[in-house]
Amino acid sequence: MSTFAVQYADSMAEAAGSLVCVMDRDRIIAAAGNGKKNYDGKPISRKWSSLLKQEVVRWRMHRRKIARN
């Protein structure tokens, strides 16, 4: 997965001309663009972790709603 994440981050950073970070629930698994050394491999904050968990719950609820229709 990390090879794909690095390639994805590189492509997105090049297209956007900006820093791009790819995260899992615990840490940044790939970073590309200006400043990537400050982020690559670092743990994510509790706030980010909480937001990601909320989005997972929201997405699951959305999928259930679509499945019912």
Protein backbone atom coordinates (compact mmCIF):
# COMPACT_ATOMS: atom_id res chain seq x y z
CA MET A 1 0.00 0.00 0.00
CA SER A 2 2.76 2.47 0.75
CA THR A 3 4.09 2.30 -2.83
CA PHE A 4 0.64 3.16 -4.15
CA ALA A 5 0.25 5.90 -1.53
CA VAL A 6 3.60 7.46 -2.48
CA GLN A 7 2.71 7.39 -6.18
CA TYR A 8 -0.71 8.86 -5.46
CA ALA A 9 0.72 11.64 -3.29
CA ASP A 10 3.38 12.43 -5.91
CA SER A 11 0.79 12.66 -8.70
CA MET A 12 -1.58 14.80 -6.67
CA ALA A 13 1.18 17.12 -5.47
CA GLU A 14 2.41 17.61 -9.01
CA ALA A 15 -1.09 18.31 -10.33
CA ALA A 16 -2.04 20.62 -7.47
CA GLY A 17 1.34 22.26 -7.02
CA SER A 18 0.89 21.82 -3.29
CA LEU A 19 1.76 19.61 -0.36
CA VAL A 20 -0.28 16.39 -0.28
CA CYS A 21 -0.46 13.96 2.62
CA VAL A 22 -2.02 10.50 2.47
CA MET A 23 -3.11 9.24 5.88
CA ASP A 24 -4.44 6.13 7.46
CA ARG A 25 -6.13 6.35 10.85
CA ASP A 26 -2.89 6.62 12.79
CA ARG A 27 -0.20 8.29 10.72
CA ILE A 28 0.76 9.97 7.47
CA ILE A 29 1.78 7.12 5.18
CA ALA A 30 2.96 9.28 2.28
CA ALA A 31 3.71 12.94 1.69
CA ALA A 32 4.77 14.79 -1.45
CA GLY A 33 5.45 18.39 -2.34
CA ASN A 34 7.11 21.26 -0.54
CA GLY A 35 7.51 20.42 3.15
CA LYS A 36 6.97 16.67 2.88
CA LYS A 37 9.90 15.97 5.21
CA ASN A 38 7.96 17.65 8.02
CA TYR A 39 5.03 15.24 7.64
CA ASP A 40 6.08 11.92 6.10
CA GLY A 41 5.67 9.09 8.62
CA LYS A 42 4.44 11.35 11.43
CA PRO A 43 1.49 10.35 13.61
CA ILE A 44 -1.70 12.29 13.06
CA SER A 45 -3.23 14.37 15.82
CA ARG A 46 -6.11 13.19 17.96
CA LYS A 47 -8.29 15.81 16.30
CA TRP A 48 -7.57 14.42 12.81
CA SER A 49 -8.08 10.87 14.06
CA SER A 50 -11.43 11.84 15.54
CA LEU A 51 -12.52 13.56 12.32
CA LEU A 52 -11.58 10.51 10.27
CA LYS A 53 -13.58 8.24 12.57
CA GLN A 54 -16.59 10.56 12.28
CA GLU A 55 -16.35 10.46 8.49
CA VAL A 56 -16.19 6.66 8.48
CA VAL A 57 -19.36 6.51 10.57
CA ARG A 58 -21.06 9.08 8.34
CA TRP A 59 -20.07 7.18 5.19
CA ARG A 60 -21.40 3.89 6.60
CA MET A 61 -24.71 5.54 7.45
CA HIS A 62 -24.91 6.99 3.94
CA ARG A 63 -24.23 3.58 2.37
CA ARG A 64 -26.97 1.97 4.47
CA LYS A 65 -29.42 4.67 3.42
CA ILE A 66 -28.60 4.10 -0.26
CA ALA A 67 -28.91 0.32 0.14
CA ARG A 68 -32.42 0.72 1.58
CA ASN A 69 -33.63 2.77 -1.39
